[in-house]
């Protein structure tokens, strides 16, 4: 088995990706398949779990067809996936309702209700109740879809539904379970009081394992469909953020990274549960035993750049970035009086915990240009990450140099701006867009007793960005102005009193 290959599968919100990883950590092949999001009501975000399976079969068929020799050497499977989603199964393991995703905000009132009724639970579960987490969604279902709720036999996270179809087993892992709000994150076991608060019992939860443990073997049906051996080991796997951390080698206390994708987050690895619920800082279980991570999360990250690119009629994000770079060189201080941007297009999580908060531009003038607005968006997301980082530091986490992963990492300008704003070295990695797949494949190897040395093998560094002190005074002044705009944004919320609208 020294020549074994691990199949790593990552179920993202917009795409399922899969890779073949060899025992030395080299990616032999990759494939992907798109999945669509349904938004049948404002604030709702759903997917059909059957679409995940179709995407999985499509991506794996491409891998198998293009790489038959490597496919024949597959010795294990590892899983990663979007967190906080709710897949509802009946007693026959049939899906009862569309999967409610991480960015669905229908359960705002239920989250507030949980925080009001059970304020002490947040210290155990590692986070305040928020509309995006799984538990409030089930309370919403209990209140609005009681007939569906009454038939629930099991609730699974998205990647665990893929495991069910691969193996027939209902299993989850500590890192994904931590994102449900039903886990005692320090003890790494289901927390019955929070389950009861949402009308559920431990008996409706899947069996829990650590992410690097063997969860089950490939079923006869799946083995036949995929052309893989019956009983092929499938690792427990984990949630996409912690599994990405395994992929890039962020496995020890003090390691930190910034994800800049559709959403954004700053993640710091810890050796103990270290959250700060009052500031909407999460403390979740890492995808490795005896490790946790503290996370400050933003609901809109690189999606803000996509939005402003469309708004300004630019041909591409790259074209807008080139305008910004030419008009506002990254090595020169920006005018303190320039436009500012609040990045709350989808509400905000850390440190405000307010899904109804909305973004905006301020300080516009007749002289404002597309480049100024583009810059303000890049900077505003950076300031939001600084807010999240400061909250994470208050929770007791350590943030040293930060790897930068996600689509936003493609911009050298943005990477340097982030280094200047958070006053830390920021470095980008080669192949980081596959970090969750790579982490999943590493966990696959661990489940069959191989690949321990791969844990310490990160991805090659592409570039390093050091803070430039000459531009920081202007950024600090602008950050204070940014902070001062929060109260005005809160006054414009949908639920603000009539006289304040």
Protein backbone atom coordinates (compact mmCIF):
# COMPACT_ATOMS: atom_id res chain seq x y z
CA UNK A 1 0.00 0.00 0.00
CA UNK A 2 3.04 2.33 -0.10
CA UNK A 3 1.83 3.42 -3.51
CA UNK A 4 -1.72 4.09 -2.32
CA UNK A 5 -3.60 7.13 -3.56
CA UNK A 6 -6.13 9.05 -1.46
CA UNK A 7 -9.32 10.43 -2.98
CA UNK A 8 -10.16 13.80 -1.39
CA UNK A 9 -13.68 15.17 -1.90
CA UNK A 10 -14.73 18.72 -0.90
CA UNK A 11 -18.39 19.73 -1.16
CA UNK A 12 -18.42 23.51 -1.53
CA UNK A 13 -21.41 25.80 -1.85
CA UNK A 14 -20.94 26.41 -5.57
CA UNK A 15 -18.75 23.47 -6.61
CA UNK A 16 -17.81 19.96 -5.58
CA UNK A 17 -14.10 19.35 -6.08
CA UNK A 18 -12.18 16.08 -5.96
CA UNK A 19 -8.48 15.25 -6.16
CA UNK A 20 -6.18 12.24 -6.20
CA UNK A 21 -3.27 12.69 -3.77
CA UNK A 22 -0.27 10.38 -3.64
CA UNK A 23 1.58 9.28 -0.50
CA UNK A 24 4.17 12.06 -0.94
CA UNK A 25 1.50 14.76 -0.93
CA UNK A 26 1.48 15.45 -4.68
CA UNK A 27 -1.84 16.21 -6.39
CA UNK A 28 -2.02 13.75 -9.30
CA UNK A 29 -5.34 14.95 -10.73
CA UNK A 30 -8.34 17.13 -9.97
CA UNK A 31 -11.91 17.55 -11.20
CA UNK A 32 -14.97 19.58 -10.26
CA UNK A 33 -18.70 19.87 -10.86
CA UNK A 34 -20.96 22.86 -10.22
CA UNK A 35 -23.87 22.89 -7.79
CA UNK A 36 -26.62 25.51 -7.75
CA UNK A 37 -28.14 27.40 -4.83
CA UNK A 38 -31.90 28.01 -4.63
CA UNK A 39 -33.17 31.26 -3.10
CA UNK A 40 -36.94 30.76 -3.24
CA UNK A 41 -37.57 33.48 -0.66
CA UNK A 42 -35.52 36.56 0.37
CA UNK A 43 -32.87 35.51 2.88
CA UNK A 44 -33.28 31.80 2.11
CA UNK A 45 -30.43 29.69 0.77
CA UNK A 46 -31.03 26.03 -0.03
CA UNK A 47 -29.69 23.13 -2.06
CA UNK A 48 -31.09 19.77 -3.08
CA UNK A 49 -28.88 17.06 -1.53
CA UNK A 50 -29.48 14.92 -4.62
CA UNK A 51 -27.58 17.57 -6.60
CA UNK A 52 -24.52 17.01 -4.38
CA UNK A 53 -24.53 13.31 -5.21
CA UNK A 54 -24.94 14.03 -8.93
CA UNK A 55 -22.01 16.47 -8.76
CA UNK A 56 -19.95 13.89 -6.85
CA UNK A 57 -20.59 11.19 -9.45
CA UNK A 58 -19.82 13.64 -12.26
CA UNK A 59 -16.51 14.82 -10.76
CA UNK A 60 -15.40 11.29 -9.85
CA UNK A 61 -16.29 9.98 -13.32
CA UNK A 62 -14.00 12.63 -14.84
CA UNK A 63 -11.17 11.67 -12.49
CA UNK A 64 -11.59 7.98 -13.22
CA UNK A 65 -11.76 8.45 -16.98
CA UNK A 66 -8.72 10.72 -17.21
CA UNK A 67 -6.55 8.86 -14.68
CA UNK A 68 -7.34 5.13 -14.77
CA UNK A 69 -3.97 4.02 -13.35
CA UNK A 70 -4.08 6.38 -10.37
CA UNK A 71 -7.78 5.53 -9.86
CA UNK A 72 -6.87 1.86 -9.56
CA UNK A 73 -4.48 2.71 -6.69
CA UNK A 74 -7.08 4.49 -4.51
CA UNK A 75 -6.71 3.11 -1.00
CA UNK A 76 -8.91 5.52 0.98
CA UNK A 77 -11.37 8.42 0.76
CA UNK A 78 -11.46 11.64 2.81
CA UNK A 79 -14.33 14.14 2.99
CA UNK A 80 -14.66 17.89 3.51
CA UNK A 81 -17.68 20.11 3.12
CA UNK A 82 -19.53 23.35 3.69
CA UNK A 83 -20.47 23.71 7.35
CA UNK A 84 -23.70 24.59 9.22
CA UNK A 85 -26.07 23.06 6.65
CA UNK A 86 -29.04 20.94 7.75
CA UNK A 87 -29.95 17.75 5.88
CA UNK A 88 -33.13 16.26 7.35
CA UNK A 89 -33.72 12.50 7.00
CA UNK A 90 -36.71 10.34 7.89
CA UNK A 91 -36.56 6.83 9.33
CA UNK A 92 -35.98 5.40 5.83
CA UNK A 93 -33.00 7.78 5.35
CA UNK A 94 -34.94 9.80 2.75
CA UNK A 95 -34.50 13.58 2.53
CA UNK A 96 -37.51 15.43 3.98
CA UNK A 97 -36.75 19.04 3.00
CA UNK A 98 -34.22 21.06 0.97
CA UNK A 99 -30.87 21.43 2.76
CA UNK A 100 -30.78 24.82 4.54
CA UNK A 101 -27.32 26.33 4.02
CA UNK A 102 -24.83 28.33 6.10
CA UNK A 103 -25.82 31.70 4.56
CA UNK A 104 -29.57 31.25 5.09
CA UNK A 105 -30.95 33.93 7.43
CA UNK A 106 -34.54 32.77 8.00
CA UNK A 107 -33.82 31.79 11.62
CA UNK A 108 -32.84 35.26 12.92
CA UNK A 109 -35.66 35.34 15.47
CA UNK A 110 -35.02 31.75 16.58
CA UNK A 111 -31.31 32.50 17.14
CA UNK A 112 -32.23 35.51 19.27
CA UNK A 113 -34.74 33.36 21.17
CA UNK A 114 -32.07 30.74 21.96
CA UNK A 115 -29.62 33.40 23.15
CA UNK A 116 -32.28 34.97 25.38
CA UNK A 117 -33.63 31.73 26.82
CA UNK A 118 -30.30 29.89 27.25
CA UNK A 119 -27.54 32.52 27.63
CA UNK A 120 -25.14 30.11 29.36
CA UNK A 121 -25.12 27.59 26.51
CA UNK A 122 -22.81 29.70 24.33
CA UNK A 123 -19.85 29.01 26.60
CA UNK A 124 -20.38 25.26 26.10
CA UNK A 125 -21.19 25.28 22.38
CA UNK A 126 -18.39 27.73 21.53
CA UNK A 127 -20.58 30.38 19.91
CA UNK A 128 -23.66 32.50 20.28
CA UNK A 129 -26.68 31.19 18.42
CA UNK A 130 -26.69 32.75 14.94
CA UNK A 131 -29.09 32.35 12.04
CA UNK A 132 -26.37 30.72 9.92
CA UNK A 133 -25.62 27.92 12.40
CA UNK A 134 -27.59 24.70 12.33
CA UNK A 135 -29.49 24.66 15.64
CA UNK A 136 -31.66 27.79 15.07
CA UNK A 137 -32.70 26.42 11.66
CA UNK A 138 -34.22 23.38 13.35
CA UNK A 139 -36.10 25.61 15.80
CA UNK A 140 -37.47 27.52 12.77
CA UNK A 141 -38.56 24.21 11.21
CA UNK A 142 -40.24 23.14 14.42
CA UNK A 143 -42.22 26.39 14.45
CA UNK A 144 -42.96 26.75 10.70
CA UNK A 145 -42.89 23.18 9.30
CA UNK A 146 -44.11 21.05 12.23
CA UNK A 147 -45.17 18.14 10.01
CA UNK A 148 -41.68 17.93 8.48
CA UNK A 149 -40.06 18.36 11.89
CA UNK A 150 -42.11 15.52 13.40
CA UNK A 151 -40.70 13.05 10.85
CA UNK A 152 -37.00 13.86 11.43
CA UNK A 153 -35.03 10.75 12.36
CA UNK A 154 -31.55 12.20 11.79
CA UNK A 155 -29.92 15.55 10.99
CA UNK A 156 -26.71 15.44 8.93
CA UNK A 157 -24.20 18.02 7.77
CA UNK A 158 -23.73 18.22 3.97
CA UNK A 159 -20.55 16.15 3.64
CA UNK A 160 -22.04 13.55 5.97
CA UNK A 161 -24.92 13.06 3.54
CA UNK A 162 -22.34 12.19 0.87
CA UNK A 163 -20.87 9.65 3.31
CA UNK A 164 -24.34 8.14 3.81
CA UNK A 165 -24.63 7.53 0.06
CA UNK A 166 -21.05 6.22 -0.12
CA UNK A 167 -21.26 3.88 2.87
CA UNK A 168 -24.82 3.64 4.21
CA UNK A 169 -23.60 4.96 7.59
CA UNK A 170 -24.82 8.02 9.55
CA UNK A 171 -21.59 9.46 10.97
CA UNK A 172 -20.22 12.95 11.61
CA UNK A 173 -16.99 14.32 13.03
CA UNK A 174 -16.08 16.78 15.80
CA UNK A 175 -15.16 19.69 13.51
CA UNK A 176 -18.39 19.65 11.49
CA UNK A 177 -20.51 18.90 14.57
CA UNK A 178 -19.01 21.93 16.33
CA UNK A 179 -20.59 24.14 13.67
CA UNK A 180 -24.09 22.91 14.51
CA UNK A 181 -24.19 24.53 17.99
CA UNK A 182 -25.19 21.14 19.41
CA UNK A 183 -21.68 20.11 20.49
CA UNK A 184 -19.90 20.60 23.80
CA UNK A 185 -16.71 21.78 22.08
CA UNK A 186 -14.40 21.27 25.08
CA UNK A 187 -15.64 17.73 25.81
CA UNK A 188 -16.13 16.91 22.10
CA UNK A 189 -19.52 15.25 22.60
CA UNK A 190 -23.16 16.08 21.81
CA UNK A 191 -24.66 18.62 24.23
CA UNK A 192 -28.12 17.32 25.12
CA UNK A 193 -29.49 20.59 26.64
CA UNK A 194 -29.05 22.52 23.37
CA UNK A 195 -30.54 19.64 21.40
CA UNK A 196 -33.54 19.67 23.74
CA UNK A 197 -33.83 23.47 23.31
CA UNK A 198 -34.40 22.88 19.59
CA UNK A 199 -36.81 19.96 20.07
CA UNK A 200 -34.29 17.20 19.33
CA UNK A 201 -32.49 14.40 21.18
CA UNK A 202 -29.03 12.84 21.01
CA UNK A 203 -30.72 9.84 19.38
CA UNK A 204 -31.39 11.96 16.28
CA UNK A 205 -27.72 12.82 15.86
CA UNK A 206 -25.15 10.79 13.91
CA UNK A 207 -22.34 8.88 15.62
CA UNK A 208 -19.31 11.13 16.31
CA UNK A 209 -15.67 10.45 15.42
CA UNK A 210 -12.49 12.49 15.11
CA UNK A 211 -11.89 13.62 11.53
CA UNK A 212 -8.87 11.32 11.05
CA UNK A 213 -10.68 8.16 12.17
CA UNK A 214 -12.09 5.45 9.94
CA UNK A 215 -15.86 6.03 9.64
CA UNK A 216 -17.04 3.21 7.37
CA UNK A 217 -16.31 1.26 4.21
CA UNK A 218 -17.66 1.80 0.71
CA UNK A 219 -21.02 0.05 0.22
CA UNK A 220 -21.54 -2.52 -2.53
CA UNK A 221 -23.82 -0.14 -4.43
CA UNK A 222 -21.41 2.80 -4.32
CA UNK A 223 -18.39 0.58 -5.03
CA UNK A 224 -20.09 -0.78 -8.13
CA UNK A 225 -21.11 2.70 -9.33
CA UNK A 226 -17.64 4.21 -8.79
CA UNK A 227 -15.50 1.28 -9.86
CA UNK A 228 -13.80 1.09 -6.47
CA UNK A 229 -13.30 -1.83 -4.03
CA UNK A 230 -16.09 -2.90 -1.70
CA UNK A 231 -15.29 -1.75 1.85
CA UNK A 232 -12.77 0.91 0.72
CA UNK A 233 -11.99 2.93 3.91
CA UNK A 234 -13.72 6.32 4.23
CA UNK A 235 -12.31 8.73 6.82
CA UNK A 236 -14.65 10.76 9.02
CA UNK A 237 -13.39 13.96 7.38
CA UNK A 238 -14.47 17.41 8.54
CA UNK A 239 -15.81 20.90 7.91
CA UNK A 240 -14.19 22.89 5.12
CA UNK A 241 -12.40 25.50 7.24
CA UNK A 242 -10.68 23.06 9.62
CA UNK A 243 -9.93 20.62 6.80
CA UNK A 244 -8.42 23.48 4.76
CA UNK A 245 -6.21 24.15 7.78
CA UNK A 246 -4.99 20.53 7.61
CA UNK A 247 -4.41 21.01 3.88
CA UNK A 248 -2.14 24.05 4.33
CA UNK A 249 -0.37 22.68 7.42
CA UNK A 250 -2.05 24.96 10.02
CA UNK A 251 -2.19 22.33 12.75
CA UNK A 252 -0.40 23.81 15.80
CA UNK A 253 -1.39 26.48 18.34
CA UNK A 254 -0.35 29.89 17.00
CA UNK A 255 -0.81 28.96 13.34
CA UNK A 256 -3.28 31.32 11.65
CA UNK A 257 -4.79 31.95 8.25
CA UNK A 258 -7.24 34.23 6.50
CA UNK A 259 -9.82 32.82 4.09
CA UNK A 260 -11.01 35.30 1.51
CA UNK A 261 -13.70 33.60 -0.53
CA UNK A 262 -17.45 34.28 -0.85
CA UNK A 263 -17.33 34.86 2.89
CA UNK A 264 -14.15 35.65 4.84
CA UNK A 265 -12.65 34.60 8.15
CA UNK A 266 -9.56 34.78 10.30
CA UNK A 267 -8.76 31.43 11.89
CA UNK A 268 -6.27 30.86 14.71
CA UNK A 269 -5.36 27.33 15.89
CA UNK A 270 -5.41 26.77 19.68
CA UNK A 271 -4.65 23.90 22.06
CA UNK A 272 -7.83 24.53 24.06
CA UNK A 273 -11.38 25.77 23.46
CA UNK A 274 -11.02 29.59 23.41
CA UNK A 275 -14.11 31.41 22.22
CA UNK A 276 -15.59 34.79 23.09
CA UNK A 277 -19.31 34.45 22.39
CA UNK A 278 -20.12 38.05 23.38
CA UNK A 279 -18.04 39.28 20.42
CA UNK A 280 -19.43 36.61 18.07
CA UNK A 281 -16.06 34.80 18.06
CA UNK A 282 -16.42 31.08 17.45
CA UNK A 283 -14.42 28.37 19.19
CA UNK A 284 -14.79 25.12 17.24
CA UNK A 285 -13.06 21.74 17.20
CA UNK A 286 -10.18 21.36 14.76
CA UNK A 287 -10.08 18.42 12.35
CA UNK A 288 -7.36 16.84 14.51
CA UNK A 289 -7.71 15.50 18.07
CA UNK A 290 -6.84 17.73 21.06
CA UNK A 291 -6.89 20.84 18.90
CA UNK A 292 -9.40 23.64 18.45
CA UNK A 293 -9.56 26.87 16.48
CA UNK A 294 -10.84 30.33 17.23
CA UNK A 295 -12.52 32.09 14.32
CA UNK A 296 -13.74 35.55 13.52
CA UNK A 297 -16.06 35.29 10.51
CA UNK A 298 -17.40 37.77 7.94
CA UNK A 299 -20.49 36.98 5.88
CA UNK A 300 -19.20 38.81 2.78
CA UNK A 301 -15.58 38.72 1.61
CA UNK A 302 -14.43 38.49 -2.00
CA UNK A 303 -18.12 38.54 -2.93
CA UNK A 304 -17.97 42.30 -2.22
CA UNK A 305 -15.41 42.67 -5.03
CA UNK A 306 -17.64 40.69 -7.39
CA UNK A 307 -20.58 42.91 -6.44
CA UNK A 308 -18.79 46.24 -7.00
CA UNK A 309 -17.30 44.98 -10.29
CA UNK A 310 -20.81 44.39 -11.62
CA UNK A 311 -22.10 47.63 -10.11
CA UNK A 312 -19.42 49.68 -11.87
CA UNK A 313 -19.87 47.89 -15.20
CA UNK A 314 -16.27 46.68 -15.22
CA UNK A 315 -15.44 43.81 -17.59
CA UNK A 316 -13.83 41.73 -14.82
CA UNK A 317 -12.58 41.86 -11.25
CA UNK A 318 -9.03 41.83 -12.62
CA UNK A 319 -9.76 44.91 -14.75
CA UNK A 320 -11.07 46.79 -11.71
CA UNK A 321 -8.04 45.73 -9.65
CA UNK A 322 -5.76 47.10 -12.37
CA UNK A 323 -7.61 50.44 -12.24
CA UNK A 324 -7.22 50.52 -8.45
CA UNK A 325 -3.53 49.64 -8.57
CA UNK A 326 -2.78 52.33 -11.17
CA UNK A 327 -4.76 55.09 -9.44
CA UNK A 328 -3.86 54.25 -5.82
CA UNK A 329 -0.40 52.66 -5.69
CA UNK A 330 -0.17 50.23 -2.80
CA UNK A 331 3.11 51.72 -1.53
CA UNK A 332 1.68 55.25 -1.12
CA UNK A 333 -0.65 56.49 1.65
CA UNK A 334 -4.30 56.80 0.60
CA UNK A 335 -6.17 60.06 1.21
CA UNK A 336 -7.89 59.99 4.59
CA UNK A 337 -10.84 61.82 3.00
CA UNK A 338 -11.49 59.19 0.29
CA UNK A 339 -14.65 57.05 0.07
CA UNK A 340 -15.22 54.40 2.75
CA UNK A 341 -17.10 51.11 2.41
CA UNK A 342 -18.94 49.02 4.99
CA UNK A 343 -18.74 45.38 3.78
CA UNK A 344 -22.00 44.20 5.33
CA UNK A 345 -23.77 43.16 2.12
CA UNK A 346 -25.06 39.99 3.80
CA UNK A 347 -25.10 41.22 7.39
CA UNK A 348 -22.16 40.52 9.67
CA UNK A 349 -21.07 37.86 12.11
CA UNK A 350 -17.88 38.81 14.04
CA UNK A 351 -17.96 41.02 16.04
CA UNK A 352 -21.49 42.35 15.46
CA UNK A 353 -23.66 39.19 15.13
CA UNK A 354 -26.20 41.07 13.04
CA UNK A 355 -27.53 39.38 9.87
CA UNK A 356 -29.79 42.38 9.18
CA UNK A 357 -26.92 44.90 9.06
CA UNK A 358 -26.29 46.22 5.54
CA UNK A 359 -23.31 47.75 3.79
CA UNK A 360 -22.74 51.02 2.04
CA UNK A 361 -20.42 53.71 0.73
CA UNK A 362 -19.75 56.94 2.61
CA UNK A 363 -17.78 60.08 1.78
CA UNK A 364 -18.58 60.02 -1.94
CA UNK A 365 -17.99 63.19 -3.95
CA UNK A 366 -18.19 64.42 -7.52
CA UNK A 367 -14.53 63.45 -7.83
CA UNK A 368 -15.12 59.81 -6.76
CA UNK A 369 -13.93 57.37 -9.43
CA UNK A 370 -14.48 53.63 -10.03
CA UNK A 371 -10.89 53.09 -8.82
CA UNK A 372 -11.66 54.89 -5.52
CA UNK A 373 -14.78 52.79 -5.00
CA UNK A 374 -12.93 49.60 -5.88
CA UNK A 375 -10.19 50.49 -3.41
CA UNK A 376 -12.74 51.31 -0.70
CA UNK A 377 -14.26 47.83 -1.10
CA UNK A 378 -10.87 46.07 -0.79
CA UNK A 379 -10.05 48.21 2.24
CA UNK A 380 -13.50 47.78 3.82
CA UNK A 381 -13.20 44.01 3.70
CA UNK A 382 -9.73 44.41 5.23
CA UNK A 383 -11.14 46.58 8.02
CA UNK A 384 -13.86 43.97 8.64
CA UNK A 385 -11.12 41.34 8.98
CA UNK A 386 -9.26 43.62 11.40
CA UNK A 387 -12.44 43.85 13.51
CA UNK A 388 -12.66 40.05 13.42
CA UNK A 389 -8.97 39.64 14.28
CA UNK A 390 -9.18 42.00 17.24
CA UNK A 391 -12.16 40.06 18.59
CA UNK A 392 -10.22 36.81 18.11
CA UNK A 393 -7.23 38.22 20.01
CA UNK A 394 -9.57 39.23 22.86
CA UNK A 395 -10.63 35.59 23.05
CA UNK A 396 -7.05 34.67 23.93
CA UNK A 397 -5.90 33.38 20.55
CA UNK A 398 -2.49 34.22 19.10
CA UNK A 399 -2.23 35.52 15.54
CA UNK A 400 1.25 35.65 14.05
CA UNK A 401 1.95 35.56 10.32
CA UNK A 402 -1.16 34.65 8.32
CA UNK A 403 -1.52 32.48 5.26
CA UNK A 404 -4.06 33.92 2.82
CA UNK A 405 -6.30 31.42 1.00
CA UNK A 406 -9.39 31.64 -1.18
CA UNK A 407 -10.16 33.49 -4.39
CA UNK A 408 -9.08 36.84 -2.96
CA UNK A 409 -5.55 35.50 -2.55
CA UNK A 410 -5.05 35.84 -6.30
CA UNK A 411 -4.67 39.63 -5.93
CA UNK A 412 -1.17 40.74 -4.87
CA UNK A 413 -2.54 44.23 -4.24
CA UNK A 414 -5.19 42.94 -1.83
CA UNK A 415 -2.67 40.69 -0.04
CA UNK A 416 -0.35 43.65 0.56
CA UNK A 417 -3.24 45.85 1.69
CA UNK A 418 -4.31 43.19 4.21
CA UNK A 419 -0.76 42.98 5.59
CA UNK A 420 -0.76 46.76 6.04
CA UNK A 421 -4.18 46.74 7.73
CA UNK A 422 -3.77 43.80 10.15
CA UNK A 423 -0.08 44.65 10.76
CA UNK A 424 1.04 41.05 10.25
CA UNK A 425 3.02 39.25 7.59
CA UNK A 426 0.61 37.78 5.03
CA UNK A 427 1.75 35.01 2.69
CA UNK A 428 0.05 33.25 -0.21
CA UNK A 429 0.38 29.59 -1.12
CA UNK A 430 0.60 27.62 -4.33
CA UNK A 431 -2.44 25.41 -4.83
CA UNK A 432 -4.40 26.86 -1.91
CA UNK A 433 -7.66 26.71 -3.90
CA UNK A 434 -7.46 22.92 -3.36
CA UNK A 435 -6.59 23.14 0.36
CA UNK A 436 -9.85 21.53 1.56
CA UNK A 437 -9.49 18.66 -0.94
CA UNK A 438 -5.85 18.18 0.07
CA UNK A 439 -6.77 18.20 3.76
CA UNK A 440 -9.54 15.66 3.12
CA UNK A 441 -7.13 13.38 1.26
CA UNK A 442 -4.59 13.66 4.11
CA UNK A 443 -7.31 12.63 6.58
CA UNK A 444 -8.04 9.66 4.32
CA UNK A 445 -4.44 8.51 4.61
CA UNK A 446 -4.50 8.95 8.42
CA UNK A 447 -7.59 6.74 8.64
CA UNK A 448 -5.62 3.83 7.14
CA UNK A 449 -2.58 4.45 9.34
CA UNK A 450 -0.51 6.30 6.73
CA UNK A 451 0.53 9.88 5.97
CA UNK A 452 1.38 11.20 9.45
CA UNK A 453 4.36 13.03 7.93
CA UNK A 454 2.02 14.77 5.46
CA UNK A 455 0.41 16.70 8.33
CA UNK A 456 3.56 18.79 8.73
CA UNK A 457 3.89 19.32 5.01
CA UNK A 458 2.23 22.61 4.11
CA UNK A 459 1.79 24.07 0.65
CA UNK A 460 4.68 25.90 -1.06
CA UNK A 461 4.75 29.64 -0.31
CA UNK A 462 4.00 31.72 -3.40
CA UNK A 463 4.77 35.22 -2.01
CA UNK A 464 5.24 37.03 1.30
CA UNK A 465 3.91 40.50 2.12
CA UNK A 466 5.28 42.55 5.03
CA UNK A 467 3.40 45.52 6.53
CA UNK A 468 4.60 48.87 5.09
CA UNK A 469 4.80 51.32 7.99
CA UNK A 470 4.73 54.44 5.77
CA UNK A 471 1.10 53.83 4.74
CA UNK A 472 -0.22 52.70 8.12
CA UNK A 473 -1.02 56.08 9.77
CA UNK A 474 -3.45 56.94 6.98
CA UNK A 475 -5.00 53.44 7.19
CA UNK A 476 -5.37 53.75 10.97
CA UNK A 477 -7.12 57.10 10.59
CA UNK A 478 -9.46 55.63 7.99
CA UNK A 479 -10.15 52.62 10.21
CA UNK A 480 -11.33 54.91 13.00
CA UNK A 481 -13.71 56.62 10.57
CA UNK A 482 -14.89 53.17 9.38
CA UNK A 483 -15.63 52.17 12.98
CA UNK A 484 -17.56 55.42 13.51
CA UNK A 485 -20.01 54.56 10.70
CA UNK A 486 -21.36 51.42 12.42
CA UNK A 487 -24.02 53.21 14.47
CA UNK A 488 -25.44 54.86 11.34
CA UNK A 489 -25.62 51.49 9.55
CA UNK A 490 -27.36 49.92 12.54
CA UNK A 491 -29.92 52.73 12.48
CA UNK A 492 -30.92 51.76 8.94
CA UNK A 493 -31.74 48.14 9.75
CA UNK A 494 -35.09 46.73 8.63
CA UNK A 495 -36.21 46.39 12.22
CA UNK A 496 -35.13 49.89 13.30
CA UNK A 497 -37.92 51.97 14.90
CA UNK A 498 -39.94 53.92 12.33
CA UNK A 499 -38.57 57.25 13.48
CA UNK A 500 -34.99 56.04 12.86
CA UNK A 501 -35.49 54.61 9.36
